[in-house]
Amino acid sequence: MADPTPSGRVGVGSPYAESPHRETRILPCGLTVCQYCSRMAQDPTRPNLRQVHLMHEELFTEVGEEGFEVAPGELGENITTRGVDLPALPTGTLPRLGDSAVLEVTGLRNPCLQIDLFQDGLLKQVVGRDEAGNIVRKAGIMSVVREGGVVRPGDTIRAELPSEPHRPLERV
């Protein structure tokens, strides 16, 4: 039987950083270095479901096998994880990061064409179709902040699953 509480480790990255940060502070609107906070300015009447972007490090290995070289933070993620299958988590999961930060998973990241500007052809590696023709998004998950805190590389991540029935993640 699978572990009911997926867990692993985190790294802290930013799409604007040359290398991952030593730590970051999670605030009510997202991270201290966060492009998604600006979405509230676009339409303040709609909830911001994209405050913090998490991506599983295992994706870097997967795209590496296809000839792409990607490091933490280079695809726009704020937090990089290892050991938790992020896209498989249900909506409403509460990832607990480090000592005090708590997020709530809102959906799948819908990657844009900027990924191909980073490395031509990479977008097709992070968005594809399954055998039934359904779109499969692998570029991480989006979340909102429930409790702020400081997150450092190597901190633990523990995913607290919501009550059943679980709802699969959709694009946000």
N, C-alpha and C. Protein backbone atom coordinates (compact mmCIF):
# COMPACT_ATOMS: atom_id res chain seq x y z
N MET A 1 0.84 -1.18 0.00
CA MET A 1 0.00 0.00 0.00
C MET A 1 0.89 1.24 0.00
N ALA A 2 0.50 2.27 -0.77
CA ALA A 2 1.28 3.50 -0.87
C ALA A 2 1.23 4.28 0.44
N ASP A 3 2.30 5.01 0.71
CA ASP A 3 2.36 5.86 1.87
C ASP A 3 1.28 6.93 1.74
N PRO A 4 0.36 7.06 2.73
CA PRO A 4 -0.72 8.03 2.61
C PRO A 4 -0.23 9.48 2.73
N THR A 5 0.99 9.68 3.19
CA THR A 5 1.54 11.02 3.31
C THR A 5 2.84 11.11 2.51
N PRO A 6 2.74 11.49 1.22
CA PRO A 6 3.96 11.60 0.42
C PRO A 6 4.91 12.61 1.05
N SER A 7 6.20 12.29 1.01
CA SER A 7 7.18 13.21 1.58
C SER A 7 8.45 13.17 0.76
N GLY A 8 9.27 14.20 0.94
CA GLY A 8 10.53 14.30 0.21
C GLY A 8 11.31 15.50 0.70
N ARG A 9 12.08 16.11 -0.21
CA ARG A 9 12.93 17.26 0.12
C ARG A 9 12.63 18.41 -0.83
N VAL A 10 12.99 19.63 -0.43
CA VAL A 10 12.76 20.79 -1.28
C VAL A 10 14.06 21.51 -1.60
N GLY A 11 14.02 22.25 -2.70
CA GLY A 11 15.05 23.20 -3.07
C GLY A 11 14.34 24.51 -3.36
N VAL A 12 15.03 25.62 -3.30
CA VAL A 12 14.41 26.91 -3.50
C VAL A 12 15.03 27.55 -4.72
N GLY A 13 14.21 27.87 -5.72
CA GLY A 13 14.71 28.46 -6.94
C GLY A 13 13.86 29.63 -7.36
N SER A 14 14.31 30.36 -8.32
CA SER A 14 13.57 31.48 -8.87
C SER A 14 13.88 31.57 -10.35
N PRO A 15 12.89 31.93 -11.15
CA PRO A 15 13.17 32.08 -12.58
C PRO A 15 14.14 33.22 -12.87
N TYR A 16 14.39 34.08 -11.89
CA TYR A 16 15.25 35.22 -12.10
C TYR A 16 16.63 35.04 -11.47
N ALA A 17 16.89 33.88 -10.92
CA ALA A 17 18.15 33.67 -10.20
C ALA A 17 19.17 32.97 -11.08
N GLU A 18 20.43 33.28 -10.86
CA GLU A 18 21.51 32.57 -11.54
C GLU A 18 21.66 31.17 -10.96
N SER A 19 21.37 31.03 -9.68
CA SER A 19 21.45 29.74 -9.00
C SER A 19 20.40 29.72 -7.91
N PRO A 20 20.06 28.55 -7.38
CA PRO A 20 19.04 28.47 -6.34
C PRO A 20 19.43 29.30 -5.10
N HIS A 21 18.42 29.81 -4.44
CA HIS A 21 18.60 30.59 -3.23
C HIS A 21 18.96 29.71 -2.04
N ARG A 22 19.54 30.34 -1.01
CA ARG A 22 19.80 29.62 0.23
C ARG A 22 18.52 29.44 1.02
N GLU A 23 17.62 30.43 0.90
CA GLU A 23 16.31 30.33 1.56
C GLU A 23 15.39 31.34 0.91
N THR A 24 14.10 31.18 1.15
CA THR A 24 13.12 32.16 0.72
C THR A 24 12.03 32.22 1.76
N ARG A 25 11.39 33.35 1.84
CA ARG A 25 10.29 33.54 2.78
C ARG A 25 8.98 33.47 2.01
N ILE A 26 8.08 32.62 2.46
CA ILE A 26 6.76 32.51 1.85
C ILE A 26 5.86 33.51 2.55
N LEU A 27 5.24 34.39 1.75
CA LEU A 27 4.36 35.45 2.25
C LEU A 27 2.91 35.14 1.89
N PRO A 28 1.96 35.90 2.41
CA PRO A 28 0.55 35.65 2.09
C PRO A 28 0.23 35.66 0.59
N CYS A 29 0.95 36.46 -0.23
CA CYS A 29 0.66 36.48 -1.68
C CYS A 29 1.55 35.52 -2.45
N GLY A 30 2.51 34.90 -1.81
CA GLY A 30 3.43 33.99 -2.49
C GLY A 30 4.82 34.12 -1.92
N LEU A 31 5.82 34.19 -2.77
CA LEU A 31 7.22 34.27 -2.32
C LEU A 31 7.76 35.69 -2.41
N THR A 32 8.84 35.95 -1.71
CA THR A 32 9.45 37.28 -1.77
C THR A 32 9.93 37.60 -3.18
N VAL A 33 10.35 36.61 -3.97
CA VAL A 33 10.70 36.78 -5.38
C VAL A 33 9.68 35.97 -6.16
N CYS A 34 8.60 36.64 -6.61
CA CYS A 34 7.50 35.86 -7.16
C CYS A 34 6.76 36.61 -8.26
N GLN A 35 6.81 36.08 -9.46
CA GLN A 35 6.11 36.70 -10.57
C GLN A 35 4.61 36.54 -10.46
N TYR A 36 4.12 35.56 -9.71
CA TYR A 36 2.70 35.28 -9.67
C TYR A 36 1.93 36.26 -8.80
N CYS A 37 2.60 37.00 -7.89
CA CYS A 37 1.92 38.02 -7.10
C CYS A 37 1.31 39.07 -8.02
N SER A 38 1.93 39.32 -9.17
CA SER A 38 1.45 40.35 -10.08
C SER A 38 0.11 39.99 -10.71
N ARG A 39 -0.26 38.73 -10.69
CA ARG A 39 -1.55 38.33 -11.28
C ARG A 39 -2.72 38.98 -10.55
N MET A 40 -2.57 39.30 -9.26
CA MET A 40 -3.64 39.95 -8.52
C MET A 40 -3.91 41.32 -9.10
N ALA A 41 -2.90 41.99 -9.62
CA ALA A 41 -3.08 43.32 -10.21
C ALA A 41 -3.84 43.24 -11.53
N GLN A 42 -3.76 42.13 -12.24
CA GLN A 42 -4.45 41.98 -13.52
C GLN A 42 -5.95 41.98 -13.34
N ASP A 43 -6.47 41.27 -12.34
CA ASP A 43 -7.90 41.22 -12.06
C ASP A 43 -8.09 40.92 -10.58
N PRO A 44 -8.16 41.97 -9.75
CA PRO A 44 -8.23 41.76 -8.30
C PRO A 44 -9.53 41.11 -7.83
N THR A 45 -10.53 40.96 -8.72
CA THR A 45 -11.78 40.30 -8.32
C THR A 45 -11.68 38.79 -8.38
N ARG A 46 -10.68 38.28 -9.10
CA ARG A 46 -10.51 36.83 -9.22
C ARG A 46 -9.47 36.36 -8.22
N PRO A 47 -9.68 35.18 -7.63
CA PRO A 47 -8.67 34.68 -6.69
C PRO A 47 -7.37 34.32 -7.42
N ASN A 48 -6.26 34.55 -6.76
CA ASN A 48 -4.96 34.20 -7.32
C ASN A 48 -4.63 32.77 -6.91
N LEU A 49 -4.81 31.83 -7.82
CA LEU A 49 -4.58 30.41 -7.54
C LEU A 49 -3.15 30.00 -7.86
N ARG A 50 -2.30 30.97 -8.24
CA ARG A 50 -0.94 30.67 -8.71
C ARG A 50 0.11 31.39 -7.89
N GLN A 51 0.02 31.36 -6.59
CA GLN A 51 0.94 32.10 -5.74
C GLN A 51 2.33 31.47 -5.68
N VAL A 52 2.39 30.15 -5.60
CA VAL A 52 3.68 29.45 -5.50
C VAL A 52 3.67 28.28 -6.48
N HIS A 53 4.74 28.21 -7.30
CA HIS A 53 4.88 27.15 -8.30
C HIS A 53 5.89 26.13 -7.80
N LEU A 54 5.46 24.87 -7.69
CA LEU A 54 6.33 23.78 -7.27
C LEU A 54 6.57 22.85 -8.47
N MET A 55 7.80 22.37 -8.59
CA MET A 55 8.13 21.43 -9.66
C MET A 55 8.96 20.28 -9.09
N HIS A 56 8.68 19.09 -9.57
CA HIS A 56 9.39 17.89 -9.12
C HIS A 56 10.70 17.75 -9.88
N GLU A 57 11.78 17.59 -9.13
CA GLU A 57 13.12 17.48 -9.70
C GLU A 57 13.23 16.29 -10.66
N GLU A 58 12.42 15.28 -10.46
CA GLU A 58 12.45 14.10 -11.33
C GLU A 58 12.16 14.46 -12.79
N LEU A 59 11.44 15.57 -13.02
CA LEU A 59 11.18 16.02 -14.38
C LEU A 59 12.49 16.40 -15.09
N PHE A 60 13.45 16.95 -14.35
CA PHE A 60 14.73 17.34 -14.95
C PHE A 60 15.45 16.11 -15.50
N THR A 61 15.37 15.00 -14.78
CA THR A 61 15.97 13.75 -15.24
C THR A 61 15.26 13.26 -16.49
N GLU A 62 13.92 13.33 -16.47
CA GLU A 62 13.12 12.87 -17.61
C GLU A 62 13.45 13.65 -18.88
N VAL A 63 13.50 14.98 -18.79
CA VAL A 63 13.81 15.76 -19.99
C VAL A 63 15.29 15.63 -20.35
N GLY A 64 16.13 15.36 -19.37
CA GLY A 64 17.55 15.13 -19.62
C GLY A 64 17.78 13.92 -20.49
N GLU A 65 16.93 12.90 -20.31
CA GLU A 65 17.03 11.69 -21.14
C GLU A 65 16.69 11.98 -22.60
N GLU A 66 16.03 13.10 -22.85
CA GLU A 66 15.70 13.51 -24.22
C GLU A 66 16.66 14.56 -24.75
N GLY A 67 17.74 14.84 -23.98
CA GLY A 67 18.77 15.75 -24.44
C GLY A 67 18.67 17.18 -23.94
N PHE A 68 17.76 17.46 -23.03
CA PHE A 68 17.60 18.81 -22.49
C PHE A 68 18.28 18.90 -21.14
N GLU A 69 18.94 20.02 -20.91
CA GLU A 69 19.62 20.24 -19.64
C GLU A 69 18.88 21.34 -18.88
N VAL A 70 18.28 20.98 -17.75
CA VAL A 70 17.48 21.92 -16.97
C VAL A 70 17.90 21.82 -15.51
N ALA A 71 18.07 22.95 -14.87
CA ALA A 71 18.45 23.01 -13.46
C ALA A 71 17.32 23.66 -12.66
N PRO A 72 17.29 23.46 -11.35
CA PRO A 72 16.24 24.07 -10.51
C PRO A 72 16.15 25.58 -10.72
N GLY A 73 14.92 26.05 -10.86
CA GLY A 73 14.64 27.47 -11.04
C GLY A 73 14.58 27.93 -12.48
N GLU A 74 15.07 27.13 -13.42
CA GLU A 74 15.16 27.57 -14.81
C GLU A 74 13.84 27.51 -15.56
N LEU A 75 12.87 26.79 -15.06
CA LEU A 75 11.58 26.72 -15.74
C LEU A 75 10.51 27.54 -15.02
N GLY A 76 10.95 28.44 -14.15
CA GLY A 76 10.02 29.35 -13.50
C GLY A 76 9.47 28.88 -12.17
N GLU A 77 9.92 27.74 -11.70
CA GLU A 77 9.40 27.26 -10.42
C GLU A 77 10.03 28.00 -9.26
N ASN A 78 9.25 28.15 -8.20
CA ASN A 78 9.74 28.77 -6.97
C ASN A 78 10.35 27.74 -6.04
N ILE A 79 9.75 26.57 -6.01
CA ILE A 79 10.20 25.49 -5.12
C ILE A 79 10.39 24.24 -5.97
N THR A 80 11.54 23.58 -5.80
CA THR A 80 11.80 22.31 -6.47
C THR A 80 11.75 21.22 -5.42
N THR A 81 11.04 20.13 -5.73
CA THR A 81 10.91 19.04 -4.76
C THR A 81 11.56 17.78 -5.30
N ARG A 82 11.80 16.85 -4.40
CA ARG A 82 12.33 15.53 -4.76
C ARG A 82 11.59 14.51 -3.90
N GLY A 83 11.08 13.46 -4.52
CA GLY A 83 10.47 12.38 -3.78
C GLY A 83 8.96 12.44 -3.66
N VAL A 84 8.32 13.47 -4.21
CA VAL A 84 6.86 13.59 -4.18
C VAL A 84 6.39 13.74 -5.62
N ASP A 85 5.47 12.89 -6.05
CA ASP A 85 4.91 12.95 -7.41
C ASP A 85 3.87 14.07 -7.43
N LEU A 86 4.33 15.30 -7.63
CA LEU A 86 3.47 16.47 -7.54
C LEU A 86 2.25 16.41 -8.46
N PRO A 87 2.41 16.10 -9.76
CA PRO A 87 1.23 16.10 -10.63
C PRO A 87 0.16 15.07 -10.25
N ALA A 88 0.54 14.09 -9.46
CA ALA A 88 -0.43 13.06 -9.04
C ALA A 88 -1.20 13.45 -7.79
N LEU A 89 -0.80 14.54 -7.13
CA LEU A 89 -1.50 14.97 -5.92
C LEU A 89 -2.89 15.48 -6.27
N PRO A 90 -3.87 15.26 -5.40
CA PRO A 90 -5.20 15.80 -5.66
C PRO A 90 -5.31 17.27 -5.29
N THR A 91 -6.29 17.94 -5.87
CA THR A 91 -6.61 19.32 -5.52
C THR A 91 -6.87 19.40 -4.03
N GLY A 92 -6.35 20.44 -3.39
CA GLY A 92 -6.58 20.63 -1.96
C GLY A 92 -5.52 20.01 -1.07
N THR A 93 -4.55 19.30 -1.64
CA THR A 93 -3.45 18.75 -0.84
C THR A 93 -2.72 19.90 -0.16
N LEU A 94 -2.27 19.66 1.08
CA LEU A 94 -1.53 20.67 1.83
C LEU A 94 -0.06 20.27 1.94
N PRO A 95 0.79 20.79 1.04
CA PRO A 95 2.23 20.55 1.21
C PRO A 95 2.75 21.37 2.40
N ARG A 96 3.43 20.69 3.32
CA ARG A 96 4.03 21.34 4.48
C ARG A 96 5.54 21.38 4.22
N LEU A 97 6.09 22.58 4.18
CA LEU A 97 7.49 22.79 3.81
C LEU A 97 8.27 23.29 5.01
N GLY A 98 9.37 22.60 5.32
CA GLY A 98 10.21 23.04 6.42
C GLY A 98 9.46 23.01 7.74
N ASP A 99 9.78 23.98 8.61
CA ASP A 99 9.20 24.00 9.95
C ASP A 99 7.78 24.54 10.02
N SER A 100 7.42 25.47 9.10
CA SER A 100 6.13 26.13 9.32
C SER A 100 5.31 26.47 8.10
N ALA A 101 5.89 26.48 6.90
CA ALA A 101 5.13 26.90 5.72
C ALA A 101 4.14 25.82 5.29
N VAL A 102 2.93 26.26 4.95
CA VAL A 102 1.89 25.36 4.46
C VAL A 102 1.26 25.98 3.22
N LEU A 103 1.20 25.20 2.16
CA LEU A 103 0.57 25.62 0.92
C LEU A 103 -0.70 24.80 0.70
N GLU A 104 -1.51 25.20 -0.26
CA GLU A 104 -2.66 24.39 -0.68
C GLU A 104 -2.59 24.27 -2.19
N VAL A 105 -2.56 23.04 -2.70
CA VAL A 105 -2.45 22.78 -4.13
C VAL A 105 -3.75 23.17 -4.83
N THR A 106 -3.61 24.01 -5.88
CA THR A 106 -4.79 24.48 -6.61
C THR A 106 -4.92 23.88 -8.00
N GLY A 107 -3.82 23.45 -8.61
CA GLY A 107 -3.93 22.87 -9.94
C GLY A 107 -2.58 22.73 -10.62
N LEU A 108 -2.64 22.35 -11.89
CA LEU A 108 -1.45 22.12 -12.71
C LEU A 108 -1.00 23.41 -13.37
N ARG A 109 0.29 23.59 -13.46
CA ARG A 109 0.81 24.73 -14.21
C ARG A 109 0.57 24.48 -15.68
N ASN A 110 0.13 25.50 -16.37
CA ASN A 110 -0.03 25.43 -17.81
C ASN A 110 1.16 26.14 -18.43
N PRO A 111 2.20 25.39 -18.85
CA PRO A 111 3.40 26.05 -19.35
C PRO A 111 3.14 26.79 -20.65
N CYS A 112 3.91 27.85 -20.86
CA CYS A 112 3.71 28.68 -22.04
C CYS A 112 4.91 28.55 -23.00
N LEU A 113 4.82 29.27 -24.10
CA LEU A 113 5.85 29.22 -25.14
C LEU A 113 7.21 29.73 -24.69
N GLN A 114 7.27 30.45 -23.58
CA GLN A 114 8.56 30.94 -23.08
C GLN A 114 9.52 29.78 -22.79
N ILE A 115 8.98 28.61 -22.50
CA ILE A 115 9.83 27.45 -22.23
C ILE A 115 10.64 27.11 -23.49
N ASP A 116 10.04 27.25 -24.66
CA ASP A 116 10.77 27.00 -25.90
C ASP A 116 11.82 28.08 -26.17
N LEU A 117 11.62 29.29 -25.63
CA LEU A 117 12.64 30.32 -25.76
C LEU A 117 13.86 29.96 -24.92
N PHE A 118 13.64 29.26 -23.82
CA PHE A 118 14.73 28.80 -22.97
C PHE A 118 15.52 27.71 -23.68
N GLN A 119 14.80 26.68 -24.18
CA GLN A 119 15.42 25.61 -24.97
C GLN A 119 14.39 25.14 -25.99
N ASP A 120 14.72 25.31 -27.25
CA ASP A 120 13.81 24.96 -28.33
C ASP A 120 13.39 23.49 -28.23
N GLY A 121 12.09 23.26 -28.28
CA GLY A 121 11.55 21.90 -28.22
C GLY A 121 11.22 21.42 -26.82
N LEU A 122 11.59 22.17 -25.80
CA LEU A 122 11.36 21.74 -24.41
C LEU A 122 9.88 21.72 -24.05
N LEU A 123 9.10 22.63 -24.63
CA LEU A 123 7.67 22.67 -24.32
C LEU A 123 7.00 21.33 -24.61
N LYS A 124 7.39 20.68 -25.72
CA LYS A 124 6.79 19.38 -26.06
C LYS A 124 7.17 18.29 -25.06
N GLN A 125 8.22 18.51 -24.29
CA GLN A 125 8.62 17.54 -23.27
C GLN A 125 7.81 17.70 -21.99
N VAL A 126 7.30 18.91 -21.74
CA VAL A 126 6.56 19.16 -20.49
C VAL A 126 5.05 19.23 -20.70
N VAL A 127 4.62 19.21 -21.97
CA VAL A 127 3.19 19.10 -22.30
C VAL A 127 3.09 18.10 -23.42
N GLY A 128 2.25 17.10 -23.23
CA GLY A 128 2.08 16.09 -24.26
C GLY A 128 0.68 15.52 -24.22
N ARG A 129 0.54 14.36 -24.79
CA ARG A 129 -0.76 13.67 -24.80
C ARG A 129 -0.54 12.22 -24.38
N ASP A 130 -1.55 11.70 -23.68
CA ASP A 130 -1.48 10.29 -23.30
C ASP A 130 -2.05 9.42 -24.43
N GLU A 131 -2.15 8.13 -24.20
CA GLU A 131 -2.62 7.19 -25.23
C GLU A 131 -4.03 7.50 -25.70
N ALA A 132 -4.85 8.11 -24.82
CA ALA A 132 -6.24 8.43 -25.16
C ALA A 132 -6.36 9.81 -25.82
N GLY A 133 -5.24 10.52 -25.97
CA GLY A 133 -5.26 11.83 -26.59
C GLY A 133 -5.49 12.99 -25.62
N ASN A 134 -5.55 12.69 -24.32
CA ASN A 134 -5.73 13.75 -23.33
C ASN A 134 -4.44 14.51 -23.10
N ILE A 135 -4.54 15.81 -22.87
CA ILE A 135 -3.36 16.63 -22.59
C ILE A 135 -2.78 16.25 -21.23
N VAL A 136 -1.46 16.08 -21.20
CA VAL A 136 -0.74 15.78 -19.96
C VAL A 136 0.23 16.92 -19.70
N ARG A 137 0.03 17.59 -18.56
CA ARG A 137 0.90 18.71 -18.17
C ARG A 137 1.85 18.21 -17.09
N LYS A 138 3.16 18.37 -17.33
CA LYS A 138 4.17 17.87 -16.39
C LYS A 138 5.00 18.98 -15.77
N ALA A 139 4.67 20.25 -16.04
CA ALA A 139 5.52 21.37 -15.62
C ALA A 139 5.22 21.85 -14.20
N GLY A 140 4.81 20.94 -13.34
CA GLY A 140 4.63 21.29 -11.94
C GLY A 140 3.21 21.67 -11.58
N ILE A 141 3.09 22.11 -10.33
CA ILE A 141 1.78 22.44 -9.79
C ILE A 141 1.80 23.85 -9.21
N MET A 142 0.62 24.41 -9.09
CA MET A 142 0.45 25.74 -8.51
C MET A 142 -0.23 25.59 -7.15
N SER A 143 0.02 26.57 -6.29
CA SER A 143 -0.56 26.51 -4.95
C SER A 143 -0.76 27.92 -4.40
N VAL A 144 -1.53 27.98 -3.32
CA VAL A 144 -1.71 29.22 -2.57
C VAL A 144 -1.13 29.02 -1.18
N VAL A 145 -0.81 30.12 -0.54
CA VAL A 145 -0.21 30.08 0.80
C VAL A 145 -1.29 30.00 1.86
N ARG A 146 -1.16 29.03 2.73
CA ARG A 146 -2.05 28.92 3.90
C ARG A 146 -1.35 29.43 5.15
N GLU A 147 -0.07 29.13 5.28
CA GLU A 147 0.75 29.63 6.40
C GLU A 147 2.13 29.95 5.86
N GLY A 148 2.63 31.14 6.16
CA GLY A 148 3.94 31.55 5.69
C GLY A 148 5.06 30.93 6.50
N GLY A 149 6.27 31.14 6.04
CA GLY A 149 7.44 30.64 6.74
C GLY A 149 8.66 30.70 5.85
N VAL A 150 9.79 30.34 6.41
CA VAL A 150 11.05 30.30 5.68
C VAL A 150 11.28 28.87 5.19
N VAL A 151 11.69 28.75 3.92
CA VAL A 151 11.98 27.44 3.33
C VAL A 151 13.43 27.47 2.84
N ARG A 152 14.15 26.42 3.17
CA ARG A 152 15.57 26.30 2.78
C ARG A 152 15.78 25.01 1.99
N PRO A 153 16.77 25.02 1.09
CA PRO A 153 17.10 23.77 0.39
C PRO A 153 17.39 22.66 1.39
N GLY A 154 16.85 21.48 1.11
CA GLY A 154 17.05 20.33 1.99
C GLY A 154 15.95 20.16 3.03
N ASP A 155 15.10 21.20 3.20
CA ASP A 155 13.97 21.06 4.13
C ASP A 155 13.07 19.93 3.66
N THR A 156 12.32 19.40 4.59
CA THR A 156 11.38 18.35 4.23
C THR A 156 10.11 18.95 3.62
N ILE A 157 9.46 18.13 2.79
CA ILE A 157 8.13 18.43 2.30
C ILE A 157 7.27 17.23 2.64
N ARG A 158 6.13 17.48 3.24
CA ARG A 158 5.18 16.42 3.57
C ARG A 158 3.84 16.84 3.00
N ALA A 159 3.25 16.01 2.17
CA ALA A 159 1.99 16.33 1.51
C ALA A 159 0.83 15.70 2.28
N GLU A 160 0.01 16.53 2.87
CA GLU A 160 -1.17 16.07 3.61
C GLU A 160 -2.35 16.03 2.64
N LEU A 161 -2.82 14.82 2.35
CA LEU A 161 -3.89 14.65 1.37
C LEU A 161 -5.23 15.09 1.96
N PRO A 162 -6.12 15.64 1.11
CA PRO A 162 -7.44 16.04 1.58
C PRO A 162 -8.33 14.82 1.78
N SER A 163 -9.48 15.06 2.38
CA SER A 163 -10.46 13.97 2.54
C SER A 163 -10.93 13.50 1.18
N GLU A 164 -11.28 12.23 1.11
CA GLU A 164 -11.81 11.69 -0.15
C GLU A 164 -13.27 12.10 -0.30
N PRO A 165 -13.80 12.14 -1.51
CA PRO A 165 -13.15 11.73 -2.75
C PRO A 165 -12.16 12.79 -3.22
N HIS A 166 -11.03 12.33 -3.76
CA HIS A 166 -10.01 13.23 -4.26
C HIS A 166 -10.40 13.73 -5.65
N ARG A 167 -10.09 15.00 -5.91
CA ARG A 167 -10.31 15.59 -7.23
C ARG A 167 -8.96 15.72 -7.92
N PRO A 168 -8.82 15.19 -9.13
CA PRO A 168 -7.55 15.33 -9.83
C PRO A 168 -7.28 16.79 -10.18
N LEU A 169 -6.00 17.11 -10.34
CA LEU A 169 -5.61 18.47 -10.66
C LEU A 169 -6.04 18.83 -12.08
N GLU A 170 -6.44 20.09 -12.23
CA GLU A 170 -6.75 20.65 -13.53
C GLU A 170 -5.86 21.86 -13.75
N ARG A 171 -5.81 22.35 -14.96
CA ARG A 171 -5.01 23.54 -15.32
C ARG A 171 -5.54 24.77 -14.59
N VAL A 172 -4.60 25.57 -14.04
CA VAL A 172 -4.99 26.86 -13.46
C VAL A 172 -4.18 27.97 -14.10
